[in-house]
């Protein structure tokens, strides 16, 4: 009886951890290219454009996955979309490990990207919909923790694989083991997903209120469940279920905020360091193994400061963290560019990279996903969040495709000595800071229904 009255935060935590494994695969799948792109480039003799495409092709899949997942999650449910994502991860892991041609590799990377895009949108949305308001920020941030854990784990895997042979072995076989290693976490996600419930808000939308009430009761007790279910039903009753709702007075700004935040999270440059970090460190003079080890350090900093974000997002709020982080990222990128311009490729530039990563992990990384999972109406949350997430992946692709091209552009190299990309991303950090301070509301401690009603008012 006592558990029925109070619910179980342990249950909430375990369910959210399983859902967050989708985030871990997000980090693992997108991060594996960091250590693999060098030997892959040599194996297939890729030029700068082809290198950018081999890196960024998965992001095209991500945009497709996010677009499809929006419709499917509103139709089939959040859980089923995560199951489909796990299957796609598994297919991609096996397929990218065995190709004889770069075209085959590209196809399977895009398949994996579809899984990433679907999971990147569905995992935080599912977690937000099942978590009580007072801990929702922390629970959604667990998904970001899982993402950076995926990056961290795959950096270690890449480093370990690279140690198993010489340069020739890595060019022939090493990168294959790096990609194939993803099959294990993908299989674990697929198995565990069969033991978690569906989103109570999606169940309510499908007129399955009894099932939703049972889940909400287990989450936070009978009193919370009854009050929450009444509020969910009342809010859904006032929703049209059409995307036209986002273009009603008071709601247009929601879509703008979601899309702009999603794009700015990417164009501030984070994935340049997460995808090309090993190659950047090589250009600083590091040997391959040392560069991979420095990438592990980047992953460790990313992980550490994401933990700090988890413990502060429901205390300090979303907006203060975003403003602090974007300012810190801008300063770090400015300093990074100055060091690159002065051609001081030593420990200073490593310090500035780590500072940038820390600021991102503390704020823009996890908090953007928290905000995106909170601000849209329940009936169309999947499709609306998909629109923002598609824009996020398109921006990610643009950055991933253009960075190698900027790095190998002779005119930019002559004028700026590798500094230009860092300064460009720094400008976007300033844009992010101004945008958050002017337009993004604070959502700390509010239920999803309260947030929606505030927009309507």
Protein backbone atom coordinates (compact mmCIF):
# COMPACT_ATOMS: atom_id res chain seq x y z
CA UNK A 1 0.00 0.00 0.00
CA UNK A 2 2.83 2.35 0.85
CA UNK A 3 4.44 1.91 -2.58
CA UNK A 4 1.05 2.52 -4.20
CA UNK A 5 0.77 5.79 -2.30
CA UNK A 6 4.28 7.02 -2.97
CA UNK A 7 5.24 5.31 -6.19
CA UNK A 8 8.76 4.19 -6.95
CA UNK A 9 11.51 6.49 -8.14
CA UNK A 10 13.64 3.36 -8.60
CA UNK A 11 11.11 2.15 -11.17
CA UNK A 12 11.19 5.51 -12.93
CA UNK A 13 14.98 5.45 -12.92
CA UNK A 14 15.23 1.93 -14.36
CA UNK A 15 12.70 2.66 -17.11
CA UNK A 16 14.50 5.88 -18.03
CA UNK A 17 17.87 4.10 -18.07
CA UNK A 18 16.54 1.55 -20.57
CA UNK A 19 15.12 4.33 -22.76
CA UNK A 20 18.40 6.21 -22.44
CA UNK A 21 20.23 3.24 -23.97
CA UNK A 22 18.86 4.69 -27.20
CA UNK A 23 20.93 7.76 -26.36
CA UNK A 24 23.97 5.57 -25.68
CA UNK A 25 23.63 4.05 -29.15
CA UNK A 26 23.23 7.59 -30.52
CA UNK A 27 26.63 8.50 -29.06
CA UNK A 28 28.23 5.18 -29.95
CA UNK A 29 27.03 5.15 -33.56
CA UNK A 30 27.94 8.76 -34.31
CA UNK A 31 31.17 8.70 -32.27
CA UNK A 32 32.70 5.56 -33.79
CA UNK A 33 33.64 7.54 -36.90
CA UNK A 34 36.09 9.61 -34.83
CA UNK A 35 38.69 6.86 -34.57
CA UNK A 36 37.69 5.01 -37.72
CA UNK A 37 37.70 7.84 -40.27
CA UNK A 38 41.52 7.94 -40.59
CA UNK A 39 42.06 4.27 -41.53
CA UNK A 40 38.76 4.22 -43.46
CA UNK A 41 39.94 7.22 -45.51
CA UNK A 42 43.23 5.49 -46.29
CA UNK A 43 41.58 2.14 -47.06
CA UNK A 44 39.20 3.62 -49.65
CA UNK A 45 41.54 6.49 -50.74
CA UNK A 46 38.99 9.22 -50.00
CA UNK A 47 39.51 12.89 -50.83
CA UNK A 48 38.20 15.76 -48.61
CA UNK A 49 34.70 15.74 -50.12
CA UNK A 50 34.41 11.96 -49.87
CA UNK A 51 35.75 12.05 -46.30
CA UNK A 52 33.07 14.57 -45.38
CA UNK A 53 30.39 12.40 -47.02
CA UNK A 54 31.61 9.22 -45.28
CA UNK A 55 31.40 11.09 -41.99
CA UNK A 56 28.18 12.97 -42.69
CA UNK A 57 26.13 10.38 -44.60
CA UNK A 58 24.83 8.95 -41.32
CA UNK A 59 23.45 12.39 -40.52
CA UNK A 60 21.30 12.30 -43.65
CA UNK A 61 19.88 9.09 -42.23
CA UNK A 62 19.40 10.85 -38.91
CA UNK A 63 17.23 13.51 -40.53
CA UNK A 64 15.17 10.81 -42.27
CA UNK A 65 14.87 8.85 -39.02
CA UNK A 66 13.73 11.88 -37.04
CA UNK A 67 11.12 12.76 -39.68
CA UNK A 68 9.71 9.21 -39.79
CA UNK A 69 9.85 8.78 -36.01
CA UNK A 70 7.70 11.87 -35.48
CA UNK A 71 4.75 10.41 -37.36
CA UNK A 72 5.33 6.85 -36.12
CA UNK A 73 5.67 7.81 -32.45
CA UNK A 74 2.32 9.65 -32.56
CA UNK A 75 0.75 6.69 -34.39
CA UNK A 76 2.38 3.53 -32.98
CA UNK A 77 3.74 4.85 -29.69
CA UNK A 78 7.12 5.92 -28.33
CA UNK A 79 8.21 2.42 -27.25
CA UNK A 80 7.69 0.77 -30.64
CA UNK A 81 9.77 3.45 -32.36
CA UNK A 82 12.63 2.76 -29.94
CA UNK A 83 12.39 -0.97 -30.76
CA UNK A 84 12.64 -0.20 -34.49
CA UNK A 85 15.67 2.00 -33.75
CA UNK A 86 17.41 -0.86 -31.94
CA UNK A 87 16.88 -3.17 -34.94
CA UNK A 88 18.35 -0.54 -37.29
CA UNK A 89 21.39 -0.09 -35.00
CA UNK A 90 22.03 -3.83 -35.12
CA UNK A 91 21.72 -4.02 -38.93
CA UNK A 92 24.06 -1.03 -39.35
CA UNK A 93 26.70 -2.39 -36.96
CA UNK A 94 26.99 -5.62 -38.91
CA UNK A 95 26.70 -3.99 -42.34
CA UNK A 96 29.38 -1.31 -41.81
CA UNK A 97 31.88 -3.92 -40.59
CA UNK A 98 31.91 -6.01 -43.79
CA UNK A 99 31.77 -3.73 -46.89
CA UNK A 100 34.11 -4.21 -49.83
CA UNK A 101 33.08 -0.91 -51.41
CA UNK A 102 32.58 2.56 -49.96
CA UNK A 103 29.06 2.68 -51.48
CA UNK A 104 28.00 -0.34 -49.40
CA UNK A 105 29.47 1.26 -46.29
CA UNK A 106 27.51 4.46 -47.00
CA UNK A 107 24.21 2.55 -47.31
CA UNK A 108 24.62 0.85 -43.94
CA UNK A 109 25.79 4.07 -42.27
CA UNK A 110 22.61 5.76 -43.48
CA UNK A 111 20.55 2.85 -42.06
CA UNK A 112 22.29 3.37 -38.72
CA UNK A 113 21.66 7.09 -39.03
CA UNK A 114 17.92 6.45 -39.40
CA UNK A 115 18.09 4.57 -36.09
CA UNK A 116 20.03 7.39 -34.45
CA UNK A 117 17.57 10.02 -35.69
CA UNK A 118 14.59 8.06 -34.39
CA UNK A 119 16.19 7.28 -31.03
CA UNK A 120 17.55 10.81 -30.55
CA UNK A 121 14.00 12.15 -30.74
CA UNK A 122 12.07 9.30 -29.11
CA UNK A 123 14.27 8.64 -26.06
CA UNK A 124 14.08 12.14 -24.46
CA UNK A 125 10.39 12.46 -25.40
CA UNK A 126 9.55 9.11 -23.79
CA UNK A 127 11.52 9.99 -20.65
CA UNK A 128 9.87 13.41 -20.37
CA UNK A 129 6.41 11.89 -20.68
CA UNK A 130 6.91 9.25 -17.99
CA UNK A 131 8.83 11.34 -15.40
CA UNK A 132 7.31 13.48 -12.61
CA UNK A 133 7.80 17.24 -13.17
CA UNK A 134 10.11 17.72 -10.18
CA UNK A 135 12.76 15.37 -11.59
CA UNK A 136 11.97 15.56 -15.31
CA UNK A 137 14.99 17.70 -16.15
CA UNK A 138 17.34 15.27 -14.44
CA UNK A 139 15.71 12.24 -16.05
CA UNK A 140 15.87 13.71 -19.57
CA UNK A 141 19.46 14.74 -18.88
CA UNK A 142 20.20 11.08 -18.15
CA UNK A 143 19.64 10.59 -21.88
CA UNK A 144 22.40 13.12 -22.62
CA UNK A 145 24.57 11.32 -20.05
CA UNK A 146 23.94 8.13 -22.01
CA UNK A 147 24.86 9.88 -25.27
CA UNK A 148 28.22 11.07 -23.94
CA UNK A 149 28.75 7.67 -22.30
CA UNK A 150 28.29 6.17 -25.76
CA UNK A 151 30.96 8.53 -27.10
CA UNK A 152 33.25 7.69 -24.17
CA UNK A 153 32.83 3.93 -24.54
CA UNK A 154 33.43 3.94 -28.29
CA UNK A 155 36.53 6.13 -27.87
CA UNK A 156 37.94 3.46 -25.54
CA UNK A 157 36.90 0.72 -27.97
CA UNK A 158 38.56 2.55 -30.88
CA UNK A 159 41.73 3.03 -28.84
CA UNK A 160 41.78 -0.63 -27.79
CA UNK A 161 41.14 -1.86 -31.35
CA UNK A 162 43.89 0.39 -32.76
CA UNK A 163 46.39 -1.17 -30.34
CA UNK A 164 45.77 -4.65 -31.75
CA UNK A 165 47.81 -4.07 -34.91
CA UNK A 166 49.97 -1.71 -36.91
CA UNK A 167 48.85 0.99 -39.33
CA UNK A 168 48.35 -1.45 -42.20
CA UNK A 169 46.19 -3.74 -40.04
CA UNK A 170 44.04 -0.84 -38.90
CA UNK A 171 43.55 0.29 -42.50
CA UNK A 172 42.46 -3.20 -43.50
CA UNK A 173 40.69 -4.62 -40.41
CA UNK A 174 40.78 -2.24 -37.42
CA UNK A 175 38.02 0.09 -38.58
CA UNK A 176 35.78 -2.91 -39.28
CA UNK A 177 36.02 -4.05 -35.64
CA UNK A 178 35.30 -0.49 -34.51
CA UNK A 179 32.00 -0.39 -36.40
CA UNK A 180 31.08 -4.02 -35.67
CA UNK A 181 31.48 -3.56 -31.92
CA UNK A 182 28.19 -1.61 -31.86
CA UNK A 183 26.21 -4.82 -32.32
CA UNK A 184 26.48 -5.74 -28.62
CA UNK A 185 24.88 -2.59 -27.10
CA UNK A 186 22.30 -2.60 -29.92
CA UNK A 187 21.26 -6.14 -29.01
CA UNK A 188 21.02 -5.22 -25.30
CA UNK A 189 18.77 -2.25 -26.09
CA UNK A 190 16.49 -4.42 -28.23
CA UNK A 191 16.08 -7.00 -25.44
CA UNK A 192 15.53 -4.54 -22.58
CA UNK A 193 12.92 -2.49 -24.46
CA UNK A 194 10.43 -5.37 -24.26
CA UNK A 195 10.33 -4.92 -20.46
CA UNK A 196 9.41 -1.20 -20.25
CA UNK A 197 5.88 0.31 -20.46
CA UNK A 198 4.47 2.63 -23.10
CA UNK A 199 4.30 6.39 -22.45
CA UNK A 200 1.26 7.16 -20.23
CA UNK A 201 0.55 10.34 -22.19
CA UNK A 202 0.47 8.45 -25.48
CA UNK A 203 -1.80 5.80 -23.89
CA UNK A 204 -4.16 8.54 -22.68
CA UNK A 205 -4.27 10.02 -26.18
CA UNK A 206 -5.27 6.53 -27.44
CA UNK A 207 -8.15 6.37 -24.88
CA UNK A 208 -6.31 3.76 -22.81
CA UNK A 209 -6.62 5.70 -19.58
CA UNK A 210 -6.65 2.65 -17.27
CA UNK A 211 -3.22 1.55 -18.54
CA UNK A 212 -1.90 5.10 -18.25
CA UNK A 213 -3.22 5.38 -14.67
CA UNK A 214 -1.51 2.14 -13.66
CA UNK A 215 1.85 3.37 -15.00
CA UNK A 216 1.50 6.83 -13.41
CA UNK A 217 0.59 5.20 -10.07
CA UNK A 218 3.70 3.07 -10.19
CA UNK A 219 5.74 6.15 -11.09
CA UNK A 220 4.71 8.46 -8.25
CA UNK A 221 1.76 7.07 -6.30
CA UNK A 222 -2.04 7.07 -6.55
CA UNK A 223 -2.61 10.71 -5.58
CA UNK A 224 -0.16 11.99 -8.16
CA UNK A 225 -1.50 9.57 -10.79
CA UNK A 226 -5.14 10.64 -10.51
CA UNK A 227 -4.31 14.36 -10.55
CA UNK A 228 -1.85 13.97 -13.42
CA UNK A 229 -4.25 11.87 -15.51
CA UNK A 230 -7.02 14.47 -15.08
CA UNK A 231 -4.65 17.22 -16.21
CA UNK A 232 -3.43 15.18 -19.20
CA UNK A 233 -7.00 14.43 -20.31
CA UNK A 234 -8.03 18.06 -19.90
CA UNK A 235 -5.06 19.31 -21.93
CA UNK A 236 -5.50 16.72 -24.70
CA UNK A 237 -9.19 17.63 -24.94
CA UNK A 238 -8.19 21.17 -25.91
CA UNK A 239 -5.69 20.02 -28.55
CA UNK A 240 -6.62 19.61 -32.19
CA UNK A 241 -4.10 16.88 -32.95
CA UNK A 242 -3.09 18.78 -36.10
CA UNK A 243 0.23 20.46 -36.77
CA UNK A 244 -1.86 23.55 -37.56
CA UNK A 245 -1.99 23.94 -33.78
CA UNK A 246 1.63 25.12 -33.89
CA UNK A 247 0.60 28.03 -36.12
CA UNK A 248 -2.12 29.30 -33.80
CA UNK A 249 -1.61 32.57 -31.89
CA UNK A 250 0.73 31.98 -28.98
CA UNK A 251 2.04 28.70 -30.36
CA UNK A 252 4.05 29.90 -33.39
CA UNK A 253 6.92 30.94 -31.15
CA UNK A 254 7.14 27.36 -29.79
CA UNK A 255 8.10 25.95 -33.19
CA UNK A 256 10.55 28.79 -33.82
CA UNK A 257 12.24 28.27 -30.43
CA UNK A 258 12.47 24.52 -30.98
CA UNK A 259 13.99 24.77 -34.46
CA UNK A 260 16.41 27.60 -33.65
CA UNK A 261 17.69 25.86 -30.49
CA UNK A 262 18.14 22.58 -32.39
CA UNK A 263 20.14 24.24 -35.19
CA UNK A 264 22.27 26.38 -32.85
CA UNK A 265 23.17 23.33 -30.74
CA UNK A 266 24.91 21.96 -33.84
CA UNK A 267 26.34 25.00 -35.64
CA UNK A 268 28.27 25.98 -32.50
CA UNK A 269 30.62 23.20 -33.60
CA UNK A 270 30.38 20.40 -31.04
CA UNK A 271 30.44 17.51 -33.49
CA UNK A 272 33.59 18.76 -35.17
CA UNK A 273 35.40 17.68 -32.00
CA UNK A 274 33.32 14.55 -31.44
CA UNK A 275 33.70 13.31 -35.05
CA UNK A 276 37.07 14.74 -36.12
CA UNK A 277 38.82 15.05 -32.75
CA UNK A 278 41.40 12.36 -33.51
CA UNK A 279 42.31 13.99 -36.84
CA UNK A 280 42.52 17.44 -35.17
CA UNK A 281 44.94 16.09 -32.58
CA UNK A 282 47.00 14.46 -35.34
CA UNK A 283 47.33 17.86 -37.00
CA UNK A 284 48.56 19.18 -33.65
CA UNK A 285 51.46 16.72 -33.97
CA UNK A 286 50.19 13.70 -32.02
CA UNK A 287 50.77 10.13 -33.16
CA UNK A 288 47.67 8.03 -33.91
CA UNK A 289 47.53 6.24 -30.53
CA UNK A 290 48.22 9.46 -28.63
CA UNK A 291 45.51 11.25 -30.62
CA UNK A 292 43.03 8.47 -29.78
CA UNK A 293 44.00 8.75 -26.12
CA UNK A 294 43.48 12.53 -26.17
CA UNK A 295 40.04 11.85 -27.66
CA UNK A 296 39.33 9.63 -24.65
CA UNK A 297 40.19 12.61 -22.42
CA UNK A 298 37.68 14.70 -24.39
CA UNK A 299 35.09 12.00 -23.75
CA UNK A 300 35.91 11.93 -20.03
CA UNK A 301 35.44 15.71 -19.71
CA UNK A 302 32.20 15.47 -21.68
CA UNK A 303 30.94 12.76 -19.32
CA UNK A 304 32.00 14.53 -16.11
CA UNK A 305 30.31 17.83 -16.88
CA UNK A 306 27.16 16.10 -18.15
CA UNK A 307 26.85 14.58 -14.65
CA UNK A 308 27.07 18.10 -13.21
CA UNK A 309 24.33 19.22 -15.61
CA UNK A 310 22.07 16.38 -14.45
CA UNK A 311 22.32 17.56 -10.84
CA UNK A 312 21.86 21.26 -11.62
CA UNK A 313 19.23 21.43 -14.38
CA UNK A 314 16.30 21.07 -11.95
CA UNK A 315 17.96 23.34 -9.37
CA UNK A 316 19.38 26.24 -11.39
CA UNK A 317 16.94 25.91 -14.27
CA UNK A 318 17.28 25.52 -18.03
CA UNK A 319 17.85 29.14 -19.02
CA UNK A 320 20.77 30.03 -16.68
CA UNK A 321 22.67 26.89 -17.70
CA UNK A 322 22.18 27.62 -21.40
CA UNK A 323 23.44 31.18 -21.04
CA UNK A 324 26.48 30.23 -18.94
CA UNK A 325 27.38 27.41 -21.30
CA UNK A 326 27.02 29.32 -24.57
CA UNK A 327 29.16 32.18 -23.20
CA UNK A 328 31.86 29.74 -22.07
CA UNK A 329 31.81 27.94 -25.42
CA UNK A 330 32.21 31.23 -27.31
CA UNK A 331 35.18 32.32 -25.19
CA UNK A 332 36.84 28.90 -25.60
CA UNK A 333 36.38 28.96 -29.39
CA UNK A 334 37.81 32.48 -29.60
CA UNK A 335 40.88 31.37 -27.64
CA UNK A 336 41.14 28.18 -29.69
CA UNK A 337 41.15 30.21 -32.89
CA UNK A 338 43.80 32.59 -31.56
CA UNK A 339 46.02 29.63 -30.63
CA UNK A 340 45.52 28.05 -34.06
CA UNK A 341 46.16 31.40 -35.80
CA UNK A 342 49.41 31.81 -33.86
CA UNK A 343 50.20 28.18 -34.78
CA UNK A 344 50.66 27.21 -31.14
CA UNK A 345 49.56 23.59 -31.54
CA UNK A 346 50.52 22.58 -28.00
CA UNK A 347 48.78 21.91 -24.69
CA UNK A 348 47.04 25.30 -24.81
CA UNK A 349 44.77 24.33 -27.68
CA UNK A 350 44.00 21.02 -25.91
CA UNK A 351 43.04 23.03 -22.82
CA UNK A 352 40.73 25.28 -24.84
CA UNK A 353 39.11 22.25 -26.53
CA UNK A 354 38.47 20.66 -23.12
CA UNK A 355 37.08 23.95 -21.81
CA UNK A 356 34.69 24.13 -24.77
CA UNK A 357 33.59 20.52 -24.28
CA UNK A 358 32.98 21.16 -20.56
CA UNK A 359 30.79 24.19 -21.25
CA UNK A 360 28.78 22.29 -23.87
CA UNK A 361 28.29 19.26 -21.64
CA UNK A 362 27.19 21.45 -18.72
CA UNK A 363 24.51 23.21 -20.71
CA UNK A 364 23.79 23.26 -24.43
CA UNK A 365 24.21 19.49 -24.87
CA UNK A 366 21.69 18.15 -22.33
CA UNK A 367 19.50 21.21 -21.78
CA UNK A 368 18.56 21.62 -25.46
CA UNK A 369 17.10 18.10 -25.42
CA UNK A 370 15.30 18.84 -22.14
CA UNK A 371 13.66 21.95 -23.61
CA UNK A 372 12.72 20.22 -26.88
CA UNK A 373 11.07 17.37 -24.96
CA UNK A 374 9.01 19.83 -22.86
CA UNK A 375 7.67 22.63 -25.01
CA UNK A 376 5.39 20.95 -27.57
CA UNK A 377 1.70 19.91 -27.11
CA UNK A 378 1.03 16.24 -26.23
CA UNK A 379 -1.07 15.24 -29.27
CA UNK A 380 1.54 16.45 -31.75
CA UNK A 381 4.68 16.25 -29.59
CA UNK A 382 6.19 13.50 -31.76
CA UNK A 383 5.69 15.30 -35.06
CA UNK A 384 6.60 18.74 -33.71
CA UNK A 385 9.75 17.47 -32.02
CA UNK A 386 10.59 15.64 -35.24
CA UNK A 387 10.52 18.93 -37.18
CA UNK A 388 13.05 20.45 -34.78
CA UNK A 389 15.17 17.29 -34.72
CA UNK A 390 15.29 17.05 -38.53
CA UNK A 391 16.63 20.61 -38.60
CA UNK A 392 19.18 19.61 -35.96
CA UNK A 393 20.50 16.73 -38.07
CA UNK A 394 20.58 18.81 -41.24
CA UNK A 395 22.68 21.42 -39.39
CA UNK A 396 24.90 18.62 -38.04
CA UNK A 397 25.40 17.31 -41.59
CA UNK A 398 26.32 20.75 -42.91
CA UNK A 399 28.95 21.17 -40.19
CA UNK A 400 30.36 17.65 -40.71
CA UNK A 401 30.52 18.07 -44.49
CA UNK A 402 32.06 21.54 -44.49
CA UNK A 403 34.68 21.19 -41.74
CA UNK A 404 37.11 19.00 -43.78
CA UNK A 405 36.57 21.31 -46.75
CA UNK A 406 37.44 24.41 -44.66
CA UNK A 407 40.42 22.60 -43.14
CA UNK A 408 41.86 21.78 -46.58
CA UNK A 409 40.98 25.08 -48.29
CA UNK A 410 44.33 26.60 -49.26
CA UNK A 411 43.10 30.22 -49.14
CA UNK A 412 41.63 29.83 -45.62
CA UNK A 413 44.78 28.05 -44.46
CA UNK A 414 46.97 30.84 -45.81
CA UNK A 415 44.87 33.59 -44.18
CA UNK A 416 43.79 31.99 -40.91
CA UNK A 417 45.98 28.89 -40.18
CA UNK A 418 43.09 26.56 -39.15
CA UNK A 419 41.48 29.32 -37.01
CA UNK A 420 38.56 30.18 -39.30
CA UNK A 421 36.18 27.30 -38.37
CA UNK A 422 36.64 27.95 -34.63
CA UNK A 423 35.87 31.65 -34.98
CA UNK A 424 32.83 30.90 -37.17
CA UNK A 425 31.41 28.53 -34.54
CA UNK A 426 32.18 31.14 -31.88
CA UNK A 427 29.95 33.67 -33.68
CA UNK A 428 27.07 31.18 -33.49
CA UNK A 429 27.70 30.85 -29.73
CA UNK A 430 27.02 34.59 -29.41
CA UNK A 431 23.82 34.16 -31.44
CA UNK A 432 22.76 31.32 -29.12
CA UNK A 433 23.41 33.41 -26.00
CA UNK A 434 21.32 36.32 -27.29
CA UNK A 435 18.51 34.05 -28.47
CA UNK A 436 18.20 32.19 -25.16
CA UNK A 437 18.26 35.40 -23.13
CA UNK A 438 15.54 37.02 -25.28
CA UNK A 439 13.17 34.23 -26.27
CA UNK A 440 13.52 31.00 -24.27
CA UNK A 441 11.24 30.74 -21.19
CA UNK A 442 12.12 28.91 -17.97
CA UNK A 443 10.31 25.55 -17.65
CA UNK A 444 11.85 24.30 -14.40
CA UNK A 445 9.37 22.54 -12.08
CA UNK A 446 6.35 22.88 -14.39
CA UNK A 447 4.29 19.95 -15.66
CA UNK A 448 4.14 19.46 -19.41
CA UNK A 449 0.49 20.51 -19.29
CA UNK A 450 1.33 23.74 -17.40
CA UNK A 451 3.97 24.60 -20.00
CA UNK A 452 1.47 24.06 -22.81
CA UNK A 453 -1.21 26.20 -21.11
CA UNK A 454 1.30 29.03 -20.66
CA UNK A 455 1.90 29.07 -24.43
CA UNK A 456 -1.83 29.17 -25.12
CA UNK A 457 -2.27 32.10 -22.76
